[in-house]
Amino acid sequence: MKDTEFAYAVARIRSNEARLLSTASIETLINSQGYTDALKILSDLGYDNLESVGEEKALANVLRSAFELIYSCAPDKKCLDFLIVRNDFHNIKALIKCMVAGIDAEKLILSPSVIDPQVIGEALQKKDYSLLPEFASETVKRAYELITTTMDGQTLEVFLDRKSIEASVILAKQSKDEFSIALANLMCAVADIKIALRCLKTNKDEAFIMGALADCALLDKDRLCEAVLSGEDALCAYVKNIGFDVFADSIKKGYAAFEKACDDMLMERVKHAKYQCLGIAPLVAYYFAVDAQVKTVRIILSCKKNGLNNENIRERVRVLYV
């Protein structure tokens, strides 16, 4: 699509950006007098009543509303699918596991999603995977075969997590938007490095590592796997070699610092969309902005529950869009 076709959508997003939490608002939250006080401040800042709705549900609603906003005004809805396809793979996991266990998956389903969960359920029931989009049909078939032949939940999880990462790249490429493709590739690289570090910390073998890593245009799976098997220093050296110095530095500081570095890098990559007047980039960036905001609020509330001091909280909060 022509970038000019997004003019109305971008205008709507710009008006909503003013409602995003500012650095000053986050600082007020950090300085709150405990968990209950933080909830009251969030209510004043426009969040649902977290006490009555429930913290997780309220935060999930914030992110869902952000997607509904960009989806409602985007002239081409499909160009946003790469942002939410991870929910589809969560739903695939839930539906397959619940089918095998003979229980109802309704309460486990996430939205928004690219595929109607009922269609996934129908495809599984009928063993008719042609009902599903091309990016999911063979994956769902293989996933069902895996769980029914091995009864190994971890193998299913690893397989679907990898396919979820790859599906985001596939859908971004289908949008033919350079910003979305570059972002999806970066998300894929970040996910692979996260997987590599988890595999290192849990002493996974080569077969497991290679099965968990997604195909990625920004790194070499074989070399990343080799680095994991060689230890933390080798992993940091490889990550530096491919241009992710900040990740190498944060790995040495611990997993919490590494996770923050990952989120902050993605935010820095989308921040320049604030200065674009046309195209899909401002819509995608707005969704990332709300996601970062929700993660930061979740972190602050968790820290308040556990009695961490304000300086420790500041070390954990994410870079914001505004």
C-alpha atoms as a PDB file:
ATOM      1  CA  MET A   1       0.000   0.000   0.000  1.00  0.00           C
ATOM      2  CA  LYS A   2       1.012   3.628  -0.458  1.00  0.00           C
ATOM      3  CA  ASP A   3       2.226   5.327   2.711  1.00  0.00           C
ATOM      4  CA  THR A   4      -0.234   8.164   2.085  1.00  0.00           C
ATOM      5  CA  GLU A   5      -3.116   5.752   2.718  1.00  0.00           C
ATOM      6  CA  PHE A   6      -2.065   5.642   6.378  1.00  0.00           C
ATOM      7  CA  ALA A   7      -2.465   9.407   6.895  1.00  0.00           C
ATOM      8  CA  TYR A   8      -5.762   9.141   8.827  1.00  0.00           C
ATOM      9  CA  ALA A   9      -4.490   6.210  10.923  1.00  0.00           C
ATOM     10  CA  VAL A  10      -1.300   8.051  11.867  1.00  0.00           C
ATOM     11  CA  ALA A  11      -3.312  11.128  12.874  1.00  0.00           C
ATOM     12  CA  ARG A  12      -5.440   9.012  15.223  1.00  0.00           C
ATOM     13  CA  ILE A  13      -2.370   7.365  16.727  1.00  0.00           C
ATOM     14  CA  ARG A  14      -0.697  10.724  17.324  1.00  0.00           C
ATOM     15  CA  SER A  15      -3.716  11.901  19.322  1.00  0.00           C
ATOM     16  CA  ASN A  16      -3.570   8.757  21.466  1.00  0.00           C
ATOM     17  CA  GLU A  17       0.180   8.988  22.109  1.00  0.00           C
ATOM     18  CA  ALA A  18      -0.566  11.855  24.501  1.00  0.00           C
ATOM     19  CA  ARG A  19      -2.232   9.302  26.805  1.00  0.00           C
ATOM     20  CA  LEU A  20       0.860   7.124  27.117  1.00  0.00           C
ATOM     21  CA  LEU A  21       2.570   7.125  30.500  1.00  0.00           C
ATOM     22  CA  SER A  22       5.427   9.594  30.647  1.00  0.00           C
ATOM     23  CA  THR A  23       8.762   9.204  32.402  1.00  0.00           C
ATOM     24  CA  ALA A  24       7.405  11.505  35.110  1.00  0.00           C
ATOM     25  CA  SER A  25       4.365   9.235  35.600  1.00  0.00           C
ATOM     26  CA  ILE A  26       6.623   6.197  35.918  1.00  0.00           C
ATOM     27  CA  GLU A  27       8.749   8.041  38.473  1.00  0.00           C
ATOM     28  CA  THR A  28       5.603   8.816  40.478  1.00  0.00           C
ATOM     29  CA  LEU A  29       4.747   5.117  40.436  1.00  0.00           C
ATOM     30  CA  ILE A  30       8.239   4.165  41.561  1.00  0.00           C
ATOM     31  CA  ASN A  31       8.013   6.625  44.462  1.00  0.00           C
ATOM     32  CA  SER A  32       4.598   5.314  45.566  1.00  0.00           C
ATOM     33  CA  GLN A  33       4.223   4.133  49.145  1.00  0.00           C
ATOM     34  CA  GLY A  34       3.768   0.464  48.375  1.00  0.00           C
ATOM     35  CA  TYR A  35       1.606  -1.749  46.148  1.00  0.00           C
ATOM     36  CA  THR A  36      -1.807  -0.356  47.159  1.00  0.00           C
ATOM     37  CA  ASP A  37      -0.682   3.224  46.634  1.00  0.00           C
ATOM     38  CA  ALA A  38       0.727   2.280  43.207  1.00  0.00           C
ATOM     39  CA  LEU A  39      -2.666   0.857  42.212  1.00  0.00           C
ATOM     40  CA  LYS A  40      -4.380   4.110  43.186  1.00  0.00           C
ATOM     41  CA  ILE A  41      -1.897   6.131  41.136  1.00  0.00           C
ATOM     42  CA  LEU A  42      -2.477   3.893  38.108  1.00  0.00           C
ATOM     43  CA  SER A  43      -6.228   4.388  38.481  1.00  0.00           C
ATOM     44  CA  ASP A  44      -5.670   8.171  38.428  1.00  0.00           C
ATOM     45  CA  LEU A  45      -3.540   7.722  35.283  1.00  0.00           C
ATOM     46  CA  GLY A  46      -6.435   6.090  33.442  1.00  0.00           C
ATOM     47  CA  TYR A  47      -5.919   2.391  34.080  1.00  0.00           C
ATOM     48  CA  ASP A  48      -8.872   0.170  34.955  1.00  0.00           C
ATOM     49  CA  ASN A  49      -9.360  -0.469  38.657  1.00  0.00           C
ATOM     50  CA  LEU A  50      -6.688  -3.152  38.971  1.00  0.00           C
ATOM     51  CA  GLU A  51      -7.975  -4.322  42.354  1.00  0.00           C
ATOM     52  CA  SER A  52     -11.490  -5.083  41.116  1.00  0.00           C
ATOM     53  CA  VAL A  53     -10.616  -6.278  37.590  1.00  0.00           C
ATOM     54  CA  GLY A  54      -7.438  -8.125  38.567  1.00  0.00           C
ATOM     55  CA  GLU A  55      -3.912  -6.968  37.780  1.00  0.00           C
ATOM     56  CA  GLU A  56      -3.120  -9.361  34.931  1.00  0.00           C
ATOM     57  CA  LYS A  57      -6.506  -8.985  33.267  1.00  0.00           C
ATOM     58  CA  ALA A  58      -6.376  -5.191  33.480  1.00  0.00           C
ATOM     59  CA  LEU A  59      -2.874  -5.034  31.976  1.00  0.00           C
ATOM     60  CA  ALA A  60      -3.835  -7.475  29.229  1.00  0.00           C
ATOM     61  CA  ASN A  61      -6.842  -5.263  28.454  1.00  0.00           C
ATOM     62  CA  VAL A  62      -4.563  -2.248  27.989  1.00  0.00           C
ATOM     63  CA  LEU A  63      -2.491  -4.051  25.360  1.00  0.00           C
ATOM     64  CA  ARG A  64      -5.575  -5.511  23.681  1.00  0.00           C
ATOM     65  CA  SER A  65      -7.136  -2.059  23.445  1.00  0.00           C
ATOM     66  CA  ALA A  66      -3.962  -0.717  21.844  1.00  0.00           C
ATOM     67  CA  PHE A  67      -4.137  -3.344  19.130  1.00  0.00           C
ATOM     68  CA  GLU A  68      -7.841  -2.777  18.598  1.00  0.00           C
ATOM     69  CA  LEU A  69      -7.097   0.914  18.078  1.00  0.00           C
ATOM     70  CA  ILE A  70      -4.407   0.439  15.435  1.00  0.00           C
ATOM     71  CA  TYR A  71      -6.408  -2.355  13.800  1.00  0.00           C
ATOM     72  CA  SER A  72      -9.561  -0.238  13.580  1.00  0.00           C
ATOM     73  CA  CYS A  73      -7.858   2.578  11.702  1.00  0.00           C
ATOM     74  CA  ALA A  74      -5.291   0.676   9.592  1.00  0.00           C
ATOM     75  CA  PRO A  75      -6.245   0.654   5.893  1.00  0.00           C
ATOM     76  CA  ASP A  76      -4.626  -2.785   5.522  1.00  0.00           C
ATOM     77  CA  LYS A  77      -5.359  -4.977   8.566  1.00  0.00           C
ATOM     78  CA  LYS A  78      -3.137  -7.862   7.458  1.00  0.00           C
ATOM     79  CA  CYS A  79      -0.012  -5.722   7.777  1.00  0.00           C
ATOM     80  CA  LEU A  80      -0.416  -5.864  11.570  1.00  0.00           C
ATOM     81  CA  ASP A  81      -0.689  -9.651  11.880  1.00  0.00           C
ATOM     82  CA  PHE A  82       2.993 -10.131  12.649  1.00  0.00           C
ATOM     83  CA  LEU A  83       2.520  -8.252  15.941  1.00  0.00           C
ATOM     84  CA  ILE A  84      -0.031 -10.674  17.403  1.00  0.00           C
ATOM     85  CA  VAL A  85       0.707 -14.050  15.805  1.00  0.00           C
ATOM     86  CA  ARG A  86       2.410 -15.190  19.018  1.00  0.00           C
ATOM     87  CA  ASN A  87      -1.101 -15.330  20.546  1.00  0.00           C
ATOM     88  CA  ASP A  88      -2.099 -17.807  17.829  1.00  0.00           C
ATOM     89  CA  PHE A  89       0.724 -20.132  18.790  1.00  0.00           C
ATOM     90  CA  HIS A  90      -0.225 -19.898  22.437  1.00  0.00           C
ATOM     91  CA  ASN A  91      -3.768 -20.837  21.391  1.00  0.00           C
ATOM     92  CA  ILE A  92      -2.481 -23.747  19.285  1.00  0.00           C
ATOM     93  CA  LYS A  93      -0.582 -25.065  22.320  1.00  0.00           C
ATOM     94  CA  ALA A  94      -3.596 -24.687  24.574  1.00  0.00           C
ATOM     95  CA  LEU A  95      -6.039 -26.315  22.157  1.00  0.00           C
ATOM     96  CA  ILE A  96      -3.777 -29.278  21.403  1.00  0.00           C
ATOM     97  CA  LYS A  97      -2.932 -29.940  25.054  1.00  0.00           C
ATOM     98  CA  CYS A  98      -6.542 -29.592  26.161  1.00  0.00           C
ATOM     99  CA  MET A  99      -7.750 -31.851  23.356  1.00  0.00           C
ATOM    100  CA  VAL A 100      -5.316 -34.559  24.402  1.00  0.00           C
ATOM    101  CA  ALA A 101      -6.265 -34.111  28.069  1.00  0.00           C
ATOM    102  CA  GLY A 102      -9.981 -33.977  27.292  1.00  0.00           C
ATOM    103  CA  ILE A 103     -10.591 -30.579  28.906  1.00  0.00           C
ATOM    104  CA  ASP A 104     -12.008 -27.258  27.747  1.00  0.00           C
ATOM    105  CA  ALA A 105      -9.429 -24.706  26.537  1.00  0.00           C
ATOM    106  CA  GLU A 106     -11.754 -21.680  26.490  1.00  0.00           C
ATOM    107  CA  LYS A 107     -10.254 -19.948  29.541  1.00  0.00           C
ATOM    108  CA  LEU A 108      -6.735 -20.324  28.142  1.00  0.00           C
ATOM    109  CA  ILE A 109      -7.367 -18.630  24.798  1.00  0.00           C
ATOM    110  CA  LEU A 110      -5.650 -15.303  24.104  1.00  0.00           C
ATOM    111  CA  SER A 111      -6.864 -12.480  21.895  1.00  0.00           C
ATOM    112  CA  PRO A 112      -6.417 -10.730  19.563  1.00  0.00           C
ATOM    113  CA  SER A 113      -5.258 -13.416  17.161  1.00  0.00           C
ATOM    114  CA  VAL A 114      -4.790 -13.883  13.440  1.00  0.00           C
ATOM    115  CA  ILE A 115      -6.743 -17.163  13.323  1.00  0.00           C
ATOM    116  CA  ASP A 116     -10.125 -17.679  14.942  1.00  0.00           C
ATOM    117  CA  PRO A 117      -9.450 -20.216  17.744  1.00  0.00           C
ATOM    118  CA  GLN A 118     -12.623 -22.071  16.743  1.00  0.00           C
ATOM    119  CA  VAL A 119     -11.093 -22.675  13.314  1.00  0.00           C
ATOM    120  CA  ILE A 120      -7.971 -24.133  14.932  1.00  0.00           C
ATOM    121  CA  GLY A 121     -10.162 -26.381  17.061  1.00  0.00           C
ATOM    122  CA  GLU A 122     -12.162 -27.489  14.039  1.00  0.00           C
ATOM    123  CA  ALA A 123      -8.982 -28.261  12.069  1.00  0.00           C
ATOM    124  CA  LEU A 124      -7.711 -30.405  14.951  1.00  0.00           C
ATOM    125  CA  GLN A 125     -11.012 -32.209  15.416  1.00  0.00           C
ATOM    126  CA  LYS A 126     -11.400 -32.994  11.706  1.00  0.00           C
ATOM    127  CA  LYS A 127      -7.651 -33.422  11.048  1.00  0.00           C
ATOM    128  CA  ASP A 128      -8.257 -31.034   8.170  1.00  0.00           C
ATOM    129  CA  TYR A 129      -5.333 -28.626   8.351  1.00  0.00           C
ATOM    130  CA  SER A 130      -6.252 -27.009   5.038  1.00  0.00           C
ATOM    131  CA  LEU A 131      -8.746 -24.949   7.062  1.00  0.00           C
ATOM    132  CA  LEU A 132      -5.772 -22.999   8.432  1.00  0.00           C
ATOM    133  CA  PRO A 133      -3.647 -20.286   6.803  1.00  0.00           C
ATOM    134  CA  GLU A 134      -0.531 -21.477   5.032  1.00  0.00           C
ATOM    135  CA  PHE A 135       1.827 -20.274   7.770  1.00  0.00           C
ATOM    136  CA  ALA A 136       0.070 -22.491  10.340  1.00  0.00           C
ATOM    137  CA  SER A 137      -1.328 -25.553   8.562  1.00  0.00           C
ATOM    138  CA  GLU A 138       1.765 -27.785   8.486  1.00  0.00           C
ATOM    139  CA  THR A 139       2.857 -26.525  11.892  1.00  0.00           C
ATOM    140  CA  VAL A 140      -0.405 -27.498  13.573  1.00  0.00           C
ATOM    141  CA  LYS A 141      -0.348 -30.886  11.867  1.00  0.00           C
ATOM    142  CA  ARG A 142       3.212 -31.525  13.022  1.00  0.00           C
ATOM    143  CA  ALA A 143       2.484 -30.260  16.533  1.00  0.00           C
ATOM    144  CA  TYR A 144      -0.456 -32.643  16.921  1.00  0.00           C
ATOM    145  CA  GLU A 145       1.654 -35.536  15.667  1.00  0.00           C
ATOM    146  CA  LEU A 146       4.406 -34.628  18.137  1.00  0.00           C
ATOM    147  CA  ILE A 147       2.195 -34.631  21.215  1.00  0.00           C
ATOM    148  CA  THR A 148       0.248 -37.744  20.263  1.00  0.00           C
ATOM    149  CA  THR A 149       3.333 -39.802  19.415  1.00  0.00           C
ATOM    150  CA  THR A 150       5.689 -38.598  22.158  1.00  0.00           C
ATOM    151  CA  MET A 151       3.329 -37.250  24.856  1.00  0.00           C
ATOM    152  CA  ASP A 152       6.199 -34.861  25.560  1.00  0.00           C
ATOM    153  CA  GLY A 153       4.866 -31.430  26.460  1.00  0.00           C
ATOM    154  CA  GLN A 154       8.306 -29.797  26.417  1.00  0.00           C
ATOM    155  CA  THR A 155       9.014 -30.960  22.863  1.00  0.00           C
ATOM    156  CA  LEU A 156       5.685 -29.474  21.782  1.00  0.00           C
ATOM    157  CA  GLU A 157       6.432 -26.177  23.552  1.00  0.00           C
ATOM    158  CA  VAL A 158       9.889 -25.853  21.994  1.00  0.00           C
ATOM    159  CA  PHE A 159       8.608 -26.642  18.505  1.00  0.00           C
ATOM    160  CA  LEU A 160       5.705 -24.177  18.655  1.00  0.00           C
ATOM    161  CA  ASP A 161       7.795 -21.427  20.238  1.00  0.00           C
ATOM    162  CA  ARG A 162      10.248 -21.671  17.338  1.00  0.00           C
ATOM    163  CA  LYS A 163       7.452 -21.666  14.765  1.00  0.00           C
ATOM    164  CA  SER A 164       5.853 -18.649  16.447  1.00  0.00           C
ATOM    165  CA  ILE A 165       9.044 -16.620  16.003  1.00  0.00           C
ATOM    166  CA  GLU A 166       9.390 -17.697  12.378  1.00  0.00           C
ATOM    167  CA  ALA A 167       5.711 -16.956  11.661  1.00  0.00           C
ATOM    168  CA  SER A 168       6.141 -13.349  12.759  1.00  0.00           C
ATOM    169  CA  VAL A 169       8.888 -12.918  10.158  1.00  0.00           C
ATOM    170  CA  ILE A 170       6.803 -14.657   7.478  1.00  0.00           C
ATOM    171  CA  LEU A 171       3.807 -12.382   8.090  1.00  0.00           C
ATOM    172  CA  ALA A 172       5.971  -9.254   8.181  1.00  0.00           C
ATOM    173  CA  LYS A 173       7.424 -10.206   4.793  1.00  0.00           C
ATOM    174  CA  GLN A 174       3.926 -10.655   3.414  1.00  0.00           C
ATOM    175  CA  SER A 175       3.189  -7.038   4.347  1.00  0.00           C
ATOM    176  CA  LYS A 176       6.031  -5.942   2.034  1.00  0.00           C
ATOM    177  CA  ASP A 177       6.757  -3.113   4.466  1.00  0.00           C
ATOM    178  CA  GLU A 178      10.483  -2.571   5.024  1.00  0.00           C
ATOM    179  CA  PHE A 179      10.045  -1.231   8.569  1.00  0.00           C
ATOM    180  CA  SER A 180       7.977  -4.254   9.631  1.00  0.00           C
ATOM    181  CA  ILE A 181      10.349  -6.740   7.986  1.00  0.00           C
ATOM    182  CA  ALA A 182      13.420  -5.201   9.615  1.00  0.00           C
ATOM    183  CA  LEU A 183      11.673  -5.134  12.999  1.00  0.00           C
ATOM    184  CA  ALA A 184      10.480  -8.746  12.719  1.00  0.00           C
ATOM    185  CA  ASN A 185      14.001  -9.879  11.819  1.00  0.00           C
ATOM    186  CA  LEU A 186      15.381  -8.029  14.842  1.00  0.00           C
ATOM    187  CA  MET A 187      12.691  -9.571  17.065  1.00  0.00           C
ATOM    188  CA  CYS A 188      13.712 -12.978  15.728  1.00  0.00           C
ATOM    189  CA  ALA A 189      17.390 -12.359  16.501  1.00  0.00           C
ATOM    190  CA  VAL A 190      16.568 -11.141  20.011  1.00  0.00           C
ATOM    191  CA  ALA A 191      14.386 -14.209  20.617  1.00  0.00           C
ATOM    192  CA  ASP A 192      17.153 -16.541  19.426  1.00  0.00           C
ATOM    193  CA  ILE A 193      19.716 -14.923  21.706  1.00  0.00           C
ATOM    194  CA  LYS A 194      17.276 -15.259  24.626  1.00  0.00           C
ATOM    195  CA  ILE A 195      16.823 -18.932  23.786  1.00  0.00           C
ATOM    196  CA  ALA A 196      20.588 -19.396  23.504  1.00  0.00           C
ATOM    197  CA  LEU A 197      21.156 -17.915  26.958  1.00  0.00           C
ATOM    198  CA  ARG A 198      18.419 -20.067  28.531  1.00  0.00           C
ATOM    199  CA  CYS A 199      19.935 -23.141  26.894  1.00  0.00           C
ATOM    200  CA  LEU A 200      23.337 -22.191  28.260  1.00  0.00           C
ATOM    201  CA  LYS A 201      21.986 -21.735  31.790  1.00  0.00           C
ATOM    202  CA  THR A 202      20.148 -25.085  31.679  1.00  0.00           C
ATOM    203  CA  ASN A 203      22.945 -27.081  30.009  1.00  0.00           C
ATOM    204  CA  LYS A 204      20.936 -28.146  26.947  1.00  0.00           C
ATOM    205  CA  ASP A 205      22.576 -30.351  24.333  1.00  0.00           C
ATOM    206  CA  GLU A 206      23.151 -29.556  20.654  1.00  0.00           C
ATOM    207  CA  ALA A 207      20.006 -31.302  19.415  1.00  0.00           C
ATOM    208  CA  PHE A 208      17.797 -29.358  21.817  1.00  0.00           C
ATOM    209  CA  ILE A 209      19.454 -26.017  21.009  1.00  0.00           C
ATOM    210  CA  MET A 210      19.172 -26.455  17.250  1.00  0.00           C
ATOM    211  CA  GLY A 211      15.538 -27.499  17.608  1.00  0.00           C
ATOM    212  CA  ALA A 212      14.752 -24.420  19.684  1.00  0.00           C
ATOM    213  CA  LEU A 213      16.485 -21.740  17.597  1.00  0.00           C
ATOM    214  CA  ALA A 214      14.446 -20.077  14.862  1.00  0.00           C
ATOM    215  CA  ASP A 215      15.797 -19.475  11.377  1.00  0.00           C
ATOM    216  CA  CYS A 216      17.022 -15.887  11.404  1.00  0.00           C
ATOM    217  CA  ALA A 217      18.456 -13.584   8.757  1.00  0.00           C
ATOM    218  CA  LEU A 218      20.600 -11.692  11.291  1.00  0.00           C
ATOM    219  CA  LEU A 219      22.575 -14.588  12.754  1.00  0.00           C
ATOM    220  CA  ASP A 220      23.957 -18.056  12.036  1.00  0.00           C
ATOM    221  CA  LYS A 221      22.166 -20.760  14.035  1.00  0.00           C
ATOM    222  CA  ASP A 222      25.070 -23.187  13.788  1.00  0.00           C
ATOM    223  CA  ARG A 223      27.578 -20.661  15.111  1.00  0.00           C
ATOM    224  CA  LEU A 224      25.197 -19.507  17.844  1.00  0.00           C
ATOM    225  CA  CYS A 225      24.701 -23.113  18.950  1.00  0.00           C
ATOM    226  CA  GLU A 226      28.448 -23.701  18.912  1.00  0.00           C
ATOM    227  CA  ALA A 227      28.933 -20.613  21.080  1.00  0.00           C
ATOM    228  CA  VAL A 228      26.345 -21.833  23.602  1.00  0.00           C
ATOM    229  CA  LEU A 229      28.089 -25.197  23.890  1.00  0.00           C
ATOM    230  CA  SER A 230      31.421 -23.429  24.430  1.00  0.00           C
ATOM    231  CA  GLY A 231      30.217 -21.355  27.392  1.00  0.00           C
ATOM    232  CA  GLU A 232      29.199 -17.837  28.384  1.00  0.00           C
ATOM    233  CA  ASP A 233      32.373 -16.121  27.176  1.00  0.00           C
ATOM    234  CA  ALA A 234      31.974 -17.678  23.719  1.00  0.00           C
ATOM    235  CA  LEU A 235      28.306 -16.675  23.593  1.00  0.00           C
ATOM    236  CA  CYS A 236      29.151 -13.079  24.514  1.00  0.00           C
ATOM    237  CA  ALA A 237      31.929 -13.007  21.913  1.00  0.00           C
ATOM    238  CA  TYR A 238      29.580 -14.252  19.173  1.00  0.00           C
ATOM    239  CA  VAL A 239      26.843 -11.796  20.128  1.00  0.00           C
ATOM    240  CA  LYS A 240      29.381  -8.948  20.003  1.00  0.00           C
ATOM    241  CA  ASN A 241      30.669 -10.179  16.658  1.00  0.00           C
ATOM    242  CA  ILE A 242      27.229  -9.809  15.066  1.00  0.00           C
ATOM    243  CA  GLY A 243      26.762  -6.282  16.387  1.00  0.00           C
ATOM    244  CA  PHE A 244      24.828  -6.799  19.628  1.00  0.00           C
ATOM    245  CA  ASP A 245      27.441  -5.468  22.053  1.00  0.00           C
ATOM    246  CA  VAL A 246      24.796  -4.284  24.520  1.00  0.00           C
ATOM    247  CA  PHE A 247      23.523  -7.845  24.904  1.00  0.00           C
ATOM    248  CA  ALA A 248      27.001  -9.197  25.564  1.00  0.00           C
ATOM    249  CA  ASP A 249      27.527  -6.602  28.287  1.00  0.00           C
ATOM    250  CA  SER A 250      24.147  -7.259  29.906  1.00  0.00           C
ATOM    251  CA  ILE A 251      24.568 -11.056  29.944  1.00  0.00           C
ATOM    252  CA  LYS A 252      27.433 -10.576  32.379  1.00  0.00           C
ATOM    253  CA  LYS A 253      25.140  -8.601  34.693  1.00  0.00           C
ATOM    254  CA  GLY A 254      22.458 -11.285  34.946  1.00  0.00           C
ATOM    255  CA  TYR A 255      19.260 -12.361  33.214  1.00  0.00           C
ATOM    256  CA  ALA A 256      17.139  -9.424  34.452  1.00  0.00           C
ATOM    257  CA  ALA A 257      19.618  -6.944  32.956  1.00  0.00           C
ATOM    258  CA  PHE A 258      19.704  -8.952  29.741  1.00  0.00           C
ATOM    259  CA  GLU A 259      15.909  -8.980  29.400  1.00  0.00           C
ATOM    260  CA  LYS A 260      15.838  -5.218  29.924  1.00  0.00           C
ATOM    261  CA  ALA A 261      18.549  -4.733  27.294  1.00  0.00           C
ATOM    262  CA  CYS A 262      16.496  -6.774  24.805  1.00  0.00           C
ATOM    263  CA  ASP A 263      13.327  -4.748  25.363  1.00  0.00           C
ATOM    264  CA  ASP A 264      15.201  -1.447  25.310  1.00  0.00           C
ATOM    265  CA  MET A 265      16.944  -2.251  22.023  1.00  0.00           C
ATOM    266  CA  LEU A 266      13.630  -2.991  20.321  1.00  0.00           C
ATOM    267  CA  MET A 267      12.173   0.244  21.684  1.00  0.00           C
ATOM    268  CA  GLU A 268      15.141   2.274  20.433  1.00  0.00           C
ATOM    269  CA  ARG A 269      14.616   0.775  16.968  1.00  0.00           C
ATOM    270  CA  VAL A 270      10.971   1.869  16.788  1.00  0.00           C
ATOM    271  CA  LYS A 271      11.372   5.296  18.414  1.00  0.00           C
ATOM    272  CA  HIS A 272      12.191   7.079  15.161  1.00  0.00           C
ATOM    273  CA  ALA A 273       8.629   6.314  14.018  1.00  0.00           C
ATOM    274  CA  LYS A 274       7.553   9.256  16.185  1.00  0.00           C
ATOM    275  CA  TYR A 275       8.881  11.506  13.449  1.00  0.00           C
ATOM    276  CA  GLN A 276       7.091   9.795  10.537  1.00  0.00           C
ATOM    277  CA  CYS A 277       3.853  11.241   9.268  1.00  0.00           C
ATOM    278  CA  LEU A 278       2.873   8.407   6.924  1.00  0.00           C
ATOM    279  CA  GLY A 279       3.128   4.633   6.597  1.00  0.00           C
ATOM    280  CA  ILE A 280       2.618   1.755   8.988  1.00  0.00           C
ATOM    281  CA  ALA A 281       5.618   2.474  11.248  1.00  0.00           C
ATOM    282  CA  PRO A 282       3.800   4.838  13.685  1.00  0.00           C
ATOM    283  CA  LEU A 283       1.059   2.226  14.228  1.00  0.00           C
ATOM    284  CA  VAL A 284       3.548  -0.552  14.950  1.00  0.00           C
ATOM    285  CA  ALA A 285       5.591   1.753  17.175  1.00  0.00           C
ATOM    286  CA  TYR A 286       2.483   2.715  19.169  1.00  0.00           C
ATOM    287  CA  TYR A 287       1.765  -0.952  19.883  1.00  0.00           C
ATOM    288  CA  PHE A 288       5.364  -1.431  21.031  1.00  0.00           C
ATOM    289  CA  ALA A 289       5.039   1.683  23.180  1.00  0.00           C
ATOM    290  CA  VAL A 290       2.010   0.310  24.998  1.00  0.00           C
ATOM    291  CA  ASP A 291       3.668  -3.104  25.357  1.00  0.00           C
ATOM    292  CA  ALA A 292       6.726  -1.480  26.980  1.00  0.00           C
ATOM    293  CA  GLN A 293       4.447   0.566  29.217  1.00  0.00           C
ATOM    294  CA  VAL A 294       2.553  -2.536  30.359  1.00  0.00           C
ATOM    295  CA  LYS A 295       5.803  -4.420  31.050  1.00  0.00           C
ATOM    296  CA  THR A 296       7.108  -1.494  33.087  1.00  0.00           C
ATOM    297  CA  VAL A 297       3.912  -1.234  35.129  1.00  0.00           C
ATOM    298  CA  ARG A 298       3.976  -4.989  35.743  1.00  0.00           C
ATOM    299  CA  ILE A 299       7.613  -4.802  36.893  1.00  0.00           C
ATOM    300  CA  ILE A 300       6.933  -1.886  39.249  1.00  0.00           C
ATOM    301  CA  LEU A 301       3.911  -3.605  40.797  1.00  0.00           C
ATOM    302  CA  SER A 302       5.861  -6.836  41.265  1.00  0.00           C
ATOM    303  CA  CYS A 303       8.726  -4.933  42.884  1.00  0.00           C
ATOM    304  CA  LYS A 304       6.315  -3.123  45.197  1.00  0.00           C
ATOM    305  CA  LYS A 305       4.769  -6.441  46.233  1.00  0.00           C
ATOM    306  CA  ASN A 306       8.210  -7.803  47.052  1.00  0.00           C
ATOM    307  CA  GLY A 307       9.444  -4.752  48.909  1.00  0.00           C
ATOM    308  CA  LEU A 308      12.293  -3.742  46.584  1.00  0.00           C
ATOM    309  CA  ASN A 309      13.738  -0.289  47.077  1.00  0.00           C
ATOM    310  CA  ASN A 310      13.214   2.447  44.500  1.00  0.00           C
ATOM    311  CA  GLU A 311      16.729   2.283  43.094  1.00  0.00           C
ATOM    312  CA  ASN A 312      16.360  -1.434  42.379  1.00  0.00           C
ATOM    313  CA  ILE A 313      13.057  -0.716  40.645  1.00  0.00           C
ATOM    314  CA  ARG A 314      14.623   1.982  38.452  1.00  0.00           C
ATOM    315  CA  GLU A 315      17.244  -0.511  37.293  1.00  0.00           C
ATOM    316  CA  ARG A 316      14.493  -2.743  35.953  1.00  0.00           C
ATOM    317  CA  VAL A 317      12.092  -0.339  34.229  1.00  0.00           C
ATOM    318  CA  ARG A 318      12.085  -0.254  30.419  1.00  0.00           C
ATOM    319  CA  VAL A 319      12.884   2.616  28.092  1.00  0.00           C
ATOM    320  CA  LEU A 320       9.593   4.271  27.136  1.00  0.00           C
ATOM    321  CA  TYR A 321       8.432   5.614  23.781  1.00  0.00           C
ATOM    322  CA  VAL A 322       7.538   9.093  25.025  1.00  0.00           C
END
